[in-house]
Amino acid sequence: MSSPSVIVLFGGASSERRVSVASARNVVAAIDGPRPWFVTSEGRVHEVDATELSAHTRPFEEDFVPRRAPLATSLHAALDLVGGDDVLFLAFHGGEGENGVIQAELEARGLAFTGSGSKASAAAFDKARAKEIVSAAGVRVAPAAIVSGSESVVTTALSALLAEHGRVVVKPVADGSSTGLHHLAAAAQLDEVAAAVSASGVPYLVEPFVTGTELTIGVVDSDEGPIALCASEVRLDPGRAFDFQGKYLGRGTQELTPAEVAPEIATEARRVAVAAHRALGCEGYTRTDVIAGTHGITFLETNTLPGLTSASFIPQQLAHAGRSLRDFVADQLAHGRARRARLAR
């Protein structure tokens, strides 16, 4: 009988698949004898060698192309090959890897996996729904509107919201936080942003821009319950947004871990992050983004599978706490196994 395996799932069709590859490189290096499974944008599953993944040194800029023939033509078929004692580390970001779809299938099969379950994943991925849930738990959120439709309809809606708020943030209701993000601050930008929103074919969330310090806080489950890591601070160069290039290519941003804010602000941000984690029913680990402004902490969103790249916030915050990524990964795998055992009873 073969020994249990740790299968690292990554890639997929999401707009954040390159980030997924970078996270998988980091996670695989922290596991003894991992089995990396790469899901192509077409859905095929390739088992790749860890050294092949490690050799892909520019994951944010170049697509990963596996050398081996596919293991299976779909993830559904590949999961038939997973043993009952195996555990899957989910290194997906965005799309069906983070919105609860894959988690639901893993739950239906009784498989062990890392991160939140299907219901919490779906709730957090829908930014509008997440705001409702977190607001009901007593956390301050920014007011929001949802826009979609033809370019003229979107233009009219955005024009009204811009006139009301002066500056707005426009982002997909259900997608990763790094892509499709627009900061709308002037009427001259309306046509460009409206065209992008309409062409996407998906609903967008529009929020007033909240002035303040942008913080992001990792939360990790423990035997005593969810514990917040330190807050990290994001500083933007003038005219820049915290988008894909800012997050992963270091263009126009500074990241400070721990955040250079007053202790009481950091404490309140950490409290809000734990409150969001609990309210959404998350498990394993999350990362919550907030704004610290004159009225206190405002919740923005919670990521149920945040980045674990060498430059990501969770690894930064773990290092500040004196914890290695290797120990973190081991804890997450143990959590996945424990959840499977709990649900099987």
C-alpha atoms as a PDB file:
ATOM      1  CA  MET A   1       0.000   0.000   0.000  1.00  0.00           C
ATOM      2  CA  SER A   2       1.406   3.404  -0.984  1.00  0.00           C
ATOM      3  CA  SER A   3       1.949   6.019   1.703  1.00  0.00           C
ATOM      4  CA  PRO A   4      -0.309   9.103   1.832  1.00  0.00           C
ATOM      5  CA  SER A   5       0.641  11.928  -0.535  1.00  0.00           C
ATOM      6  CA  VAL A   6       0.500  15.696  -0.340  1.00  0.00           C
ATOM      7  CA  ILE A   7      -0.864  16.929  -3.666  1.00  0.00           C
ATOM      8  CA  VAL A   8      -0.364  20.630  -4.385  1.00  0.00           C
ATOM      9  CA  LEU A   9      -3.040  21.888  -6.784  1.00  0.00           C
ATOM     10  CA  PHE A  10      -2.239  25.052  -8.734  1.00  0.00           C
ATOM     11  CA  GLY A  11      -2.772  26.860 -12.019  1.00  0.00           C
ATOM     12  CA  GLY A  12      -6.278  26.831 -13.467  1.00  0.00           C
ATOM     13  CA  ALA A  13      -8.136  29.210 -15.763  1.00  0.00           C
ATOM     14  CA  SER A  14      -8.260  32.172 -13.370  1.00  0.00           C
ATOM     15  CA  SER A  15      -6.769  35.526 -14.266  1.00  0.00           C
ATOM     16  CA  GLU A  16      -4.478  34.952 -11.248  1.00  0.00           C
ATOM     17  CA  ARG A  17      -3.046  31.632 -12.432  1.00  0.00           C
ATOM     18  CA  ARG A  18       0.504  33.013 -12.618  1.00  0.00           C
ATOM     19  CA  VAL A  19       0.256  34.040  -8.970  1.00  0.00           C
ATOM     20  CA  SER A  20      -0.928  30.498  -8.266  1.00  0.00           C
ATOM     21  CA  VAL A  21       2.205  29.103  -9.890  1.00  0.00           C
ATOM     22  CA  ALA A  22       4.387  31.378  -7.746  1.00  0.00           C
ATOM     23  CA  SER A  23       2.556  30.320  -4.581  1.00  0.00           C
ATOM     24  CA  ALA A  24       2.900  26.656  -5.521  1.00  0.00           C
ATOM     25  CA  ARG A  25       6.674  27.060  -6.019  1.00  0.00           C
ATOM     26  CA  ASN A  26       6.965  28.353  -2.476  1.00  0.00           C
ATOM     27  CA  VAL A  27       4.642  25.762  -0.933  1.00  0.00           C
ATOM     28  CA  VAL A  28       6.200  22.807  -2.743  1.00  0.00           C
ATOM     29  CA  ALA A  29       9.632  23.817  -1.421  1.00  0.00           C
ATOM     30  CA  ALA A  30       8.217  23.580   2.120  1.00  0.00           C
ATOM     31  CA  ILE A  31       6.949  19.975   1.780  1.00  0.00           C
ATOM     32  CA  ASP A  32       8.856  16.698   1.805  1.00  0.00           C
ATOM     33  CA  GLY A  33       7.977  14.571  -1.227  1.00  0.00           C
ATOM     34  CA  PRO A  34       5.151  16.721  -2.656  1.00  0.00           C
ATOM     35  CA  ARG A  35       3.156  15.844  -5.761  1.00  0.00           C
ATOM     36  CA  PRO A  36       2.564  19.117  -7.670  1.00  0.00           C
ATOM     37  CA  TRP A  37      -0.498  18.954  -9.946  1.00  0.00           C
ATOM     38  CA  PHE A  38      -0.754  21.775 -12.473  1.00  0.00           C
ATOM     39  CA  VAL A  39      -4.171  22.511 -13.970  1.00  0.00           C
ATOM     40  CA  THR A  40      -3.933  24.165 -17.391  1.00  0.00           C
ATOM     41  CA  SER A  41      -6.280  26.947 -18.482  1.00  0.00           C
ATOM     42  CA  GLU A  42      -8.026  24.305 -20.631  1.00  0.00           C
ATOM     43  CA  GLY A  43      -8.552  22.099 -17.584  1.00  0.00           C
ATOM     44  CA  ARG A  44      -6.002  19.329 -18.179  1.00  0.00           C
ATOM     45  CA  VAL A  45      -4.042  18.143 -15.147  1.00  0.00           C
ATOM     46  CA  HIS A  46      -0.294  17.495 -15.343  1.00  0.00           C
ATOM     47  CA  GLU A  47       1.753  16.025 -12.519  1.00  0.00           C
ATOM     48  CA  VAL A  48       5.044  17.902 -12.578  1.00  0.00           C
ATOM     49  CA  ASP A  49       8.383  17.380 -10.911  1.00  0.00           C
ATOM     50  CA  ALA A  50       9.197  19.727  -8.038  1.00  0.00           C
ATOM     51  CA  THR A  51      12.529  20.628  -9.647  1.00  0.00           C
ATOM     52  CA  GLU A  52      10.731  21.586 -12.869  1.00  0.00           C
ATOM     53  CA  LEU A  53       8.494  23.945 -10.922  1.00  0.00           C
ATOM     54  CA  SER A  54      11.433  25.364  -8.984  1.00  0.00           C
ATOM     55  CA  ALA A  55      13.249  26.101 -12.249  1.00  0.00           C
ATOM     56  CA  HIS A  56      10.393  28.342 -13.398  1.00  0.00           C
ATOM     57  CA  THR A  57      11.948  31.483 -11.966  1.00  0.00           C
ATOM     58  CA  ARG A  58       9.716  34.168 -13.546  1.00  0.00           C
ATOM     59  CA  PRO A  59       6.219  32.929 -12.696  1.00  0.00           C
ATOM     60  CA  PHE A  60       4.595  36.380 -12.704  1.00  0.00           C
ATOM     61  CA  GLU A  61       5.821  37.181 -16.196  1.00  0.00           C
ATOM     62  CA  GLU A  62       5.924  33.855 -18.037  1.00  0.00           C
ATOM     63  CA  ASP A  63       3.343  31.084 -18.284  1.00  0.00           C
ATOM     64  CA  PHE A  64       4.304  27.738 -16.788  1.00  0.00           C
ATOM     65  CA  VAL A  65       4.366  25.003 -19.458  1.00  0.00           C
ATOM     66  CA  PRO A  66       4.608  21.433 -18.080  1.00  0.00           C
ATOM     67  CA  ARG A  67       6.866  18.957 -19.830  1.00  0.00           C
ATOM     68  CA  ARG A  68       4.988  15.751 -19.033  1.00  0.00           C
ATOM     69  CA  ALA A  69       1.883  14.427 -20.748  1.00  0.00           C
ATOM     70  CA  PRO A  70      -1.388  15.084 -18.905  1.00  0.00           C
ATOM     71  CA  LEU A  71      -2.260  12.937 -15.934  1.00  0.00           C
ATOM     72  CA  ALA A  72      -5.945  13.464 -16.706  1.00  0.00           C
ATOM     73  CA  THR A  73      -8.087  15.473 -19.095  1.00  0.00           C
ATOM     74  CA  SER A  74      -9.892  17.248 -16.256  1.00  0.00           C
ATOM     75  CA  LEU A  75      -9.558  17.885 -12.530  1.00  0.00           C
ATOM     76  CA  HIS A  76     -12.742  15.870 -11.998  1.00  0.00           C
ATOM     77  CA  ALA A  77     -11.056  12.846 -13.593  1.00  0.00           C
ATOM     78  CA  ALA A  78      -7.770  13.475 -11.783  1.00  0.00           C
ATOM     79  CA  LEU A  79      -9.512  13.437  -8.407  1.00  0.00           C
ATOM     80  CA  ASP A  80     -10.437   9.801  -9.052  1.00  0.00           C
ATOM     81  CA  LEU A  81      -6.721   9.103  -8.589  1.00  0.00           C
ATOM     82  CA  VAL A  82      -6.520  10.707  -5.130  1.00  0.00           C
ATOM     83  CA  GLY A  83      -6.165   8.210  -2.291  1.00  0.00           C
ATOM     84  CA  GLY A  84      -8.394   8.322   0.751  1.00  0.00           C
ATOM     85  CA  ASP A  85      -5.487   9.295   2.999  1.00  0.00           C
ATOM     86  CA  ASP A  86      -4.021  11.896   0.642  1.00  0.00           C
ATOM     87  CA  VAL A  87      -4.378  15.588   1.393  1.00  0.00           C
ATOM     88  CA  LEU A  88      -4.603  18.388  -1.170  1.00  0.00           C
ATOM     89  CA  PHE A  89      -2.939  21.744  -0.595  1.00  0.00           C
ATOM     90  CA  LEU A  90      -4.915  24.302  -2.595  1.00  0.00           C
ATOM     91  CA  ALA A  91      -2.566  26.864  -4.121  1.00  0.00           C
ATOM     92  CA  PHE A  92      -5.210  28.220  -6.479  1.00  0.00           C
ATOM     93  CA  HIS A  93      -6.100  31.914  -6.608  1.00  0.00           C
ATOM     94  CA  GLY A  94      -9.317  33.313  -8.015  1.00  0.00           C
ATOM     95  CA  GLY A  95     -11.938  31.631 -10.185  1.00  0.00           C
ATOM     96  CA  GLU A  96     -13.334  28.216  -9.400  1.00  0.00           C
ATOM     97  CA  GLY A  97     -10.286  27.449  -7.286  1.00  0.00           C
ATOM     98  CA  GLU A  98     -11.313  30.030  -4.711  1.00  0.00           C
ATOM     99  CA  ASN A  99     -15.070  30.503  -5.187  1.00  0.00           C
ATOM    100  CA  GLY A 100     -16.149  27.246  -3.571  1.00  0.00           C
ATOM    101  CA  VAL A 101     -16.708  25.137  -6.694  1.00  0.00           C
ATOM    102  CA  ILE A 102     -13.654  22.905  -6.288  1.00  0.00           C
ATOM    103  CA  GLN A 103     -14.078  22.861  -2.500  1.00  0.00           C
ATOM    104  CA  ALA A 104     -17.638  21.531  -2.940  1.00  0.00           C
ATOM    105  CA  GLU A 105     -16.412  18.639  -5.071  1.00  0.00           C
ATOM    106  CA  LEU A 106     -13.648  17.811  -2.608  1.00  0.00           C
ATOM    107  CA  GLU A 107     -16.197  17.824   0.219  1.00  0.00           C
ATOM    108  CA  ALA A 108     -18.546  15.572  -1.752  1.00  0.00           C
ATOM    109  CA  ARG A 109     -15.702  13.097  -2.259  1.00  0.00           C
ATOM    110  CA  GLY A 110     -14.685  13.199   1.414  1.00  0.00           C
ATOM    111  CA  LEU A 111     -11.161  14.378   0.570  1.00  0.00           C
ATOM    112  CA  ALA A 112      -8.861  16.343   2.868  1.00  0.00           C
ATOM    113  CA  PHE A 113      -7.880  19.799   1.620  1.00  0.00           C
ATOM    114  CA  THR A 114      -6.527  23.085   2.945  1.00  0.00           C
ATOM    115  CA  GLY A 115      -8.283  26.407   3.296  1.00  0.00           C
ATOM    116  CA  SER A 116     -11.932  27.241   3.816  1.00  0.00           C
ATOM    117  CA  GLY A 117     -14.873  25.043   2.913  1.00  0.00           C
ATOM    118  CA  SER A 118     -17.192  25.619  -0.018  1.00  0.00           C
ATOM    119  CA  LYS A 119     -19.765  27.837   1.728  1.00  0.00           C
ATOM    120  CA  ALA A 120     -17.239  30.215   3.264  1.00  0.00           C
ATOM    121  CA  SER A 121     -15.219  30.321   0.039  1.00  0.00           C
ATOM    122  CA  ALA A 122     -18.316  31.256  -1.999  1.00  0.00           C
ATOM    123  CA  ALA A 123     -19.396  33.895   0.526  1.00  0.00           C
ATOM    124  CA  ALA A 124     -15.997  35.589   0.712  1.00  0.00           C
ATOM    125  CA  PHE A 125     -15.429  35.457  -3.056  1.00  0.00           C
ATOM    126  CA  ASP A 126     -18.647  37.397  -3.670  1.00  0.00           C
ATOM    127  CA  LYS A 127     -17.449  40.794  -2.442  1.00  0.00           C
ATOM    128  CA  ALA A 128     -20.964  42.201  -2.137  1.00  0.00           C
ATOM    129  CA  ARG A 129     -22.202  39.228  -0.114  1.00  0.00           C
ATOM    130  CA  ALA A 130     -19.077  39.296   2.051  1.00  0.00           C
ATOM    131  CA  LYS A 131     -19.677  42.941   2.911  1.00  0.00           C
ATOM    132  CA  GLU A 132     -23.253  42.128   3.964  1.00  0.00           C
ATOM    133  CA  ILE A 133     -22.126  39.271   6.211  1.00  0.00           C
ATOM    134  CA  VAL A 134     -19.270  41.187   7.803  1.00  0.00           C
ATOM    135  CA  SER A 135     -21.413  44.290   8.280  1.00  0.00           C
ATOM    136  CA  ALA A 136     -24.026  42.176  10.080  1.00  0.00           C
ATOM    137  CA  ALA A 137     -21.259  41.134  12.479  1.00  0.00           C
ATOM    138  CA  GLY A 138     -20.791  44.774  13.483  1.00  0.00           C
ATOM    139  CA  VAL A 139     -17.828  45.677  11.275  1.00  0.00           C
ATOM    140  CA  ARG A 140     -17.777  48.983   9.365  1.00  0.00           C
ATOM    141  CA  VAL A 141     -17.911  48.587   5.580  1.00  0.00           C
ATOM    142  CA  ALA A 142     -18.005  51.135   2.779  1.00  0.00           C
ATOM    143  CA  PRO A 143     -21.347  51.611   0.969  1.00  0.00           C
ATOM    144  CA  ALA A 144     -21.401  49.909  -2.406  1.00  0.00           C
ATOM    145  CA  ALA A 145     -23.353  49.623  -5.643  1.00  0.00           C
ATOM    146  CA  ILE A 146     -23.256  46.937  -8.325  1.00  0.00           C
ATOM    147  CA  VAL A 147     -23.045  47.884 -11.997  1.00  0.00           C
ATOM    148  CA  SER A 148     -23.177  45.787 -15.168  1.00  0.00           C
ATOM    149  CA  GLY A 149     -24.660  45.810 -18.644  1.00  0.00           C
ATOM    150  CA  SER A 150     -24.065  47.758 -21.822  1.00  0.00           C
ATOM    151  CA  GLU A 151     -21.402  50.407 -22.033  1.00  0.00           C
ATOM    152  CA  SER A 152     -23.974  53.211 -21.973  1.00  0.00           C
ATOM    153  CA  VAL A 153     -25.720  51.753 -18.906  1.00  0.00           C
ATOM    154  CA  VAL A 154     -22.413  51.370 -17.073  1.00  0.00           C
ATOM    155  CA  THR A 155     -21.317  54.878 -18.056  1.00  0.00           C
ATOM    156  CA  THR A 156     -24.523  56.384 -16.670  1.00  0.00           C
ATOM    157  CA  ALA A 157     -24.203  54.463 -13.391  1.00  0.00           C
ATOM    158  CA  LEU A 158     -20.523  55.275 -12.920  1.00  0.00           C
ATOM    159  CA  SER A 159     -21.092  58.922 -13.772  1.00  0.00           C
ATOM    160  CA  ALA A 160     -23.742  59.206 -11.052  1.00  0.00           C
ATOM    161  CA  LEU A 161     -21.573  57.424  -8.475  1.00  0.00           C
ATOM    162  CA  LEU A 162     -18.537  59.548  -9.357  1.00  0.00           C
ATOM    163  CA  ALA A 163     -20.604  62.719  -8.969  1.00  0.00           C
ATOM    164  CA  GLU A 164     -21.868  61.511  -5.590  1.00  0.00           C
ATOM    165  CA  HIS A 165     -18.557  60.389  -4.109  1.00  0.00           C
ATOM    166  CA  GLY A 166     -15.872  62.280  -6.002  1.00  0.00           C
ATOM    167  CA  ARG A 167     -13.679  59.202  -6.361  1.00  0.00           C
ATOM    168  CA  VAL A 168     -14.663  55.518  -6.544  1.00  0.00           C
ATOM    169  CA  VAL A 169     -13.042  52.100  -6.674  1.00  0.00           C
ATOM    170  CA  VAL A 170     -14.425  49.716  -9.297  1.00  0.00           C
ATOM    171  CA  LYS A 171     -13.693  45.981  -9.028  1.00  0.00           C
ATOM    172  CA  PRO A 172     -15.309  42.683 -10.051  1.00  0.00           C
ATOM    173  CA  VAL A 173     -17.896  41.392  -7.574  1.00  0.00           C
ATOM    174  CA  ALA A 174     -16.439  37.896  -7.860  1.00  0.00           C
ATOM    175  CA  ASP A 175     -12.805  37.647  -8.931  1.00  0.00           C
ATOM    176  CA  GLY A 176      -9.342  37.950  -7.499  1.00  0.00           C
ATOM    177  CA  SER A 177      -8.362  41.261  -5.947  1.00  0.00           C
ATOM    178  CA  SER A 178      -5.433  41.891  -8.309  1.00  0.00           C
ATOM    179  CA  THR A 179      -7.128  42.055 -11.699  1.00  0.00           C
ATOM    180  CA  GLY A 180      -9.891  44.171 -13.175  1.00  0.00           C
ATOM    181  CA  LEU A 181      -9.371  46.888 -10.550  1.00  0.00           C
ATOM    182  CA  HIS A 182     -10.029  50.520 -11.522  1.00  0.00           C
ATOM    183  CA  HIS A 183      -9.689  53.772  -9.571  1.00  0.00           C
ATOM    184  CA  LEU A 184     -12.059  56.312 -11.066  1.00  0.00           C
ATOM    185  CA  ALA A 185     -11.318  59.881 -10.030  1.00  0.00           C
ATOM    186  CA  ALA A 186     -12.236  62.042 -13.013  1.00  0.00           C
ATOM    187  CA  ALA A 187     -14.911  62.224 -15.711  1.00  0.00           C
ATOM    188  CA  ALA A 188     -12.186  61.881 -18.334  1.00  0.00           C
ATOM    189  CA  GLN A 189     -11.702  58.260 -17.220  1.00  0.00           C
ATOM    190  CA  LEU A 190     -15.376  57.303 -17.523  1.00  0.00           C
ATOM    191  CA  ASP A 191     -15.363  56.006 -21.093  1.00  0.00           C
ATOM    192  CA  GLU A 192     -12.295  53.824 -20.590  1.00  0.00           C
ATOM    193  CA  VAL A 193     -13.490  52.280 -17.313  1.00  0.00           C
ATOM    194  CA  ALA A 194     -17.072  51.792 -18.533  1.00  0.00           C
ATOM    195  CA  ALA A 195     -15.824  50.048 -21.671  1.00  0.00           C
ATOM    196  CA  ALA A 196     -13.651  47.692 -19.598  1.00  0.00           C
ATOM    197  CA  VAL A 197     -16.463  46.887 -17.168  1.00  0.00           C
ATOM    198  CA  SER A 198     -18.997  46.258 -19.937  1.00  0.00           C
ATOM    199  CA  ALA A 199     -16.586  44.152 -21.997  1.00  0.00           C
ATOM    200  CA  SER A 200     -15.837  41.930 -18.997  1.00  0.00           C
ATOM    201  CA  GLY A 201     -19.395  40.641 -18.954  1.00  0.00           C
ATOM    202  CA  VAL A 202     -19.408  40.349 -15.155  1.00  0.00           C
ATOM    203  CA  PRO A 203     -20.934  42.536 -12.422  1.00  0.00           C
ATOM    204  CA  TYR A 204     -18.663  45.111 -10.800  1.00  0.00           C
ATOM    205  CA  LEU A 205     -18.747  46.508  -7.291  1.00  0.00           C
ATOM    206  CA  VAL A 206     -18.385  50.277  -6.985  1.00  0.00           C
ATOM    207  CA  GLU A 207     -17.344  51.753  -3.642  1.00  0.00           C
ATOM    208  CA  PRO A 208     -16.440  55.298  -2.620  1.00  0.00           C
ATOM    209  CA  PHE A 209     -12.704  55.677  -2.185  1.00  0.00           C
ATOM    210  CA  VAL A 210     -11.942  55.579   1.540  1.00  0.00           C
ATOM    211  CA  THR A 211      -9.056  57.841   2.500  1.00  0.00           C
ATOM    212  CA  GLY A 212      -6.601  56.354   4.935  1.00  0.00           C
ATOM    213  CA  THR A 213      -3.862  53.790   5.386  1.00  0.00           C
ATOM    214  CA  GLU A 214      -4.305  50.485   3.560  1.00  0.00           C
ATOM    215  CA  LEU A 215      -3.601  47.512   5.801  1.00  0.00           C
ATOM    216  CA  THR A 216      -3.782  43.778   5.234  1.00  0.00           C
ATOM    217  CA  ILE A 217      -3.872  41.185   8.001  1.00  0.00           C
ATOM    218  CA  GLY A 218      -3.404  37.436   7.879  1.00  0.00           C
ATOM    219  CA  VAL A 219      -5.491  35.225  10.166  1.00  0.00           C
ATOM    220  CA  VAL A 220      -4.435  31.658  10.973  1.00  0.00           C
ATOM    221  CA  ASP A 221      -6.502  29.046  12.786  1.00  0.00           C
ATOM    222  CA  SER A 222      -5.047  27.501  15.922  1.00  0.00           C
ATOM    223  CA  ASP A 223      -6.235  25.179  18.685  1.00  0.00           C
ATOM    224  CA  GLU A 224      -7.389  28.303  20.535  1.00  0.00           C
ATOM    225  CA  GLY A 225      -9.275  29.670  17.518  1.00  0.00           C
ATOM    226  CA  PRO A 226      -8.317  32.128  14.773  1.00  0.00           C
ATOM    227  CA  ILE A 227      -5.303  34.317  15.553  1.00  0.00           C
ATOM    228  CA  ALA A 228      -4.397  37.484  13.652  1.00  0.00           C
ATOM    229  CA  LEU A 229      -0.844  37.937  12.462  1.00  0.00           C
ATOM    230  CA  CYS A 230       0.631  41.431  12.396  1.00  0.00           C
ATOM    231  CA  ALA A 231      -0.821  44.048  10.088  1.00  0.00           C
ATOM    232  CA  SER A 232       1.110  44.950   6.942  1.00  0.00           C
ATOM    233  CA  GLU A 233       0.892  48.384   5.348  1.00  0.00           C
ATOM    234  CA  VAL A 234       0.657  49.199   1.660  1.00  0.00           C
ATOM    235  CA  ARG A 235       1.995  52.575   0.535  1.00  0.00           C
ATOM    236  CA  LEU A 236       1.281  53.660  -3.011  1.00  0.00           C
ATOM    237  CA  ASP A 237       3.284  56.037  -5.111  1.00  0.00           C
ATOM    238  CA  PRO A 238       1.192  58.972  -6.389  1.00  0.00           C
ATOM    239  CA  GLY A 239      -1.165  57.916  -9.146  1.00  0.00           C
ATOM    240  CA  ARG A 240      -0.672  54.183  -8.555  1.00  0.00           C
ATOM    241  CA  ALA A 241      -3.136  51.480  -7.498  1.00  0.00           C
ATOM    242  CA  PHE A 242      -2.504  48.261  -5.591  1.00  0.00           C
ATOM    243  CA  ASP A 243      -3.075  46.135  -8.687  1.00  0.00           C
ATOM    244  CA  PHE A 244      -1.239  43.125 -10.142  1.00  0.00           C
ATOM    245  CA  GLN A 245       1.878  45.085 -11.090  1.00  0.00           C
ATOM    246  CA  GLY A 246       1.996  46.765  -7.711  1.00  0.00           C
ATOM    247  CA  LYS A 247       1.456  43.549  -5.758  1.00  0.00           C
ATOM    248  CA  TYR A 248       3.665  41.155  -7.638  1.00  0.00           C
ATOM    249  CA  LEU A 249       6.123  43.185  -9.705  1.00  0.00           C
ATOM    250  CA  GLY A 250       6.837  45.819  -7.065  1.00  0.00           C
ATOM    251  CA  ARG A 251       5.920  48.721  -9.305  1.00  0.00           C
ATOM    252  CA  GLY A 252       4.663  51.827  -7.553  1.00  0.00           C
ATOM    253  CA  THR A 253       4.179  50.318  -4.104  1.00  0.00           C
ATOM    254  CA  GLN A 254       5.938  49.852  -0.789  1.00  0.00           C
ATOM    255  CA  GLU A 255       5.029  47.042   1.605  1.00  0.00           C
ATOM    256  CA  LEU A 256       5.803  47.461   5.293  1.00  0.00           C
ATOM    257  CA  THR A 257       5.611  44.488   7.662  1.00  0.00           C
ATOM    258  CA  PRO A 258       4.736  45.277  10.369  1.00  0.00           C
ATOM    259  CA  ALA A 259       2.691  48.344   9.494  1.00  0.00           C
ATOM    260  CA  GLU A 260       3.973  51.675  10.738  1.00  0.00           C
ATOM    261  CA  VAL A 261       0.740  52.689  12.454  1.00  0.00           C
ATOM    262  CA  ALA A 262      -0.201  53.404  16.060  1.00  0.00           C
ATOM    263  CA  PRO A 263      -0.523  50.249  18.203  1.00  0.00           C
ATOM    264  CA  GLU A 264      -4.230  50.831  18.809  1.00  0.00           C
ATOM    265  CA  ILE A 265      -4.877  51.011  15.056  1.00  0.00           C
ATOM    266  CA  ALA A 266      -2.969  47.777  14.421  1.00  0.00           C
ATOM    267  CA  THR A 267      -4.877  46.073  17.260  1.00  0.00           C
ATOM    268  CA  GLU A 268      -8.254  47.161  15.891  1.00  0.00           C
ATOM    269  CA  ALA A 269      -7.303  46.063  12.361  1.00  0.00           C
ATOM    270  CA  ARG A 270      -6.355  42.646  13.696  1.00  0.00           C
ATOM    271  CA  ARG A 271      -9.655  42.437  15.589  1.00  0.00           C
ATOM    272  CA  VAL A 272     -11.602  43.240  12.416  1.00  0.00           C
ATOM    273  CA  ALA A 273      -9.684  40.601  10.450  1.00  0.00           C
ATOM    274  CA  VAL A 274     -10.560  37.906  13.006  1.00  0.00           C
ATOM    275  CA  ALA A 275     -14.183  39.090  13.088  1.00  0.00           C
ATOM    276  CA  ALA A 276     -14.419  38.804   9.291  1.00  0.00           C
ATOM    277  CA  HIS A 277     -12.779  35.352   9.330  1.00  0.00           C
ATOM    278  CA  ARG A 278     -15.319  34.163  11.904  1.00  0.00           C
ATOM    279  CA  ALA A 279     -18.370  35.827  10.336  1.00  0.00           C
ATOM    280  CA  LEU A 280     -17.672  34.309   6.943  1.00  0.00           C
ATOM    281  CA  GLY A 281     -17.071  30.865   8.466  1.00  0.00           C
ATOM    282  CA  CYS A 282     -13.515  30.627   7.143  1.00  0.00           C
ATOM    283  CA  GLU A 283     -11.029  27.925   8.086  1.00  0.00           C
ATOM    284  CA  GLY A 284      -7.281  27.419   7.913  1.00  0.00           C
ATOM    285  CA  TYR A 285      -6.089  30.885   6.987  1.00  0.00           C
ATOM    286  CA  THR A 286      -7.299  34.093   5.348  1.00  0.00           C
ATOM    287  CA  ARG A 287      -6.086  37.599   4.643  1.00  0.00           C
ATOM    288  CA  THR A 288      -8.313  40.628   5.139  1.00  0.00           C
ATOM    289  CA  ASP A 289      -7.795  44.063   3.586  1.00  0.00           C
ATOM    290  CA  VAL A 290      -8.943  47.173   5.465  1.00  0.00           C
ATOM    291  CA  ILE A 291      -8.534  50.932   5.433  1.00  0.00           C
ATOM    292  CA  ALA A 292      -7.558  52.765   8.607  1.00  0.00           C
ATOM    293  CA  GLY A 293      -9.104  56.223   8.304  1.00  0.00           C
ATOM    294  CA  THR A 294     -10.398  59.033  10.436  1.00  0.00           C
ATOM    295  CA  HIS A 295     -13.533  57.050  11.306  1.00  0.00           C
ATOM    296  CA  GLY A 296     -11.648  53.918  12.294  1.00  0.00           C
ATOM    297  CA  ILE A 297     -11.184  50.632  10.421  1.00  0.00           C
ATOM    298  CA  THR A 298     -13.231  49.967   7.268  1.00  0.00           C
ATOM    299  CA  PHE A 299     -13.448  46.401   5.902  1.00  0.00           C
ATOM    300  CA  LEU A 300     -12.685  45.952   2.203  1.00  0.00           C
ATOM    301  CA  GLU A 301     -12.525  42.205   1.529  1.00  0.00           C
ATOM    302  CA  THR A 302     -11.324  38.817   2.763  1.00  0.00           C
ATOM    303  CA  ASN A 303      -9.254  36.414   0.650  1.00  0.00           C
ATOM    304  CA  THR A 304      -9.719  32.732   1.504  1.00  0.00           C
ATOM    305  CA  LEU A 305      -6.670  31.559  -0.480  1.00  0.00           C
ATOM    306  CA  PRO A 306      -4.281  34.518  -0.243  1.00  0.00           C
ATOM    307  CA  GLY A 307      -0.922  34.468  -1.969  1.00  0.00           C
ATOM    308  CA  LEU A 308       1.885  32.388  -0.514  1.00  0.00           C
ATOM    309  CA  THR A 309       4.604  33.548  -2.885  1.00  0.00           C
ATOM    310  CA  SER A 310       8.011  34.454  -1.524  1.00  0.00           C
ATOM    311  CA  ALA A 311       6.929  38.109  -1.596  1.00  0.00           C
ATOM    312  CA  SER A 312       3.364  37.686  -0.306  1.00  0.00           C
ATOM    313  CA  PHE A 313       2.014  39.179   2.911  1.00  0.00           C
ATOM    314  CA  ILE A 314       1.249  35.945   4.783  1.00  0.00           C
ATOM    315  CA  PRO A 315       4.870  34.712   4.540  1.00  0.00           C
ATOM    316  CA  GLN A 316       6.063  38.198   5.561  1.00  0.00           C
ATOM    317  CA  GLN A 317       3.782  38.184   8.582  1.00  0.00           C
ATOM    318  CA  LEU A 318       4.691  34.621   9.541  1.00  0.00           C
ATOM    319  CA  ALA A 319       8.373  35.567   9.447  1.00  0.00           C
ATOM    320  CA  HIS A 320       7.691  38.544  11.702  1.00  0.00           C
ATOM    321  CA  ALA A 321       5.997  36.166  14.164  1.00  0.00           C
ATOM    322  CA  GLY A 322       9.030  33.858  14.061  1.00  0.00           C
ATOM    323  CA  ARG A 323       7.180  31.103  12.197  1.00  0.00           C
ATOM    324  CA  SER A 324       8.518  29.338   9.125  1.00  0.00           C
ATOM    325  CA  LEU A 325       6.460  28.699   6.013  1.00  0.00           C
ATOM    326  CA  ARG A 326       7.320  25.025   6.450  1.00  0.00           C
ATOM    327  CA  ASP A 327       5.620  24.903   9.856  1.00  0.00           C
ATOM    328  CA  PHE A 328       2.661  26.899   8.537  1.00  0.00           C
ATOM    329  CA  VAL A 329       2.170  24.487   5.622  1.00  0.00           C
ATOM    330  CA  ALA A 330       2.407  21.494   7.977  1.00  0.00           C
ATOM    331  CA  ASP A 331      -0.241  23.064  10.219  1.00  0.00           C
ATOM    332  CA  GLN A 332      -2.553  23.657   7.260  1.00  0.00           C
ATOM    333  CA  LEU A 333      -2.184  20.069   6.103  1.00  0.00           C
ATOM    334  CA  ALA A 334      -2.973  18.867   9.624  1.00  0.00           C
ATOM    335  CA  HIS A 335      -6.043  21.100   9.671  1.00  0.00           C
ATOM    336  CA  GLY A 336      -7.238  19.593   6.393  1.00  0.00           C
ATOM    337  CA  ARG A 337      -6.838  16.069   7.717  1.00  0.00           C
ATOM    338  CA  ALA A 338      -8.590  16.944  10.975  1.00  0.00           C
ATOM    339  CA  ARG A 339     -11.543  18.454   9.128  1.00  0.00           C
ATOM    340  CA  ARG A 340     -11.915  15.316   7.005  1.00  0.00           C
ATOM    341  CA  ALA A 341     -11.900  13.184  10.121  1.00  0.00           C
ATOM    342  CA  ARG A 342     -14.434  15.472  11.823  1.00  0.00           C
ATOM    343  CA  LEU A 343     -16.838  15.438   8.885  1.00  0.00           C
ATOM    344  CA  ALA A 344     -16.530  11.669   8.505  1.00  0.00           C
ATOM    345  CA  ARG A 345     -17.827  11.089  12.035  1.00  0.00           C
END
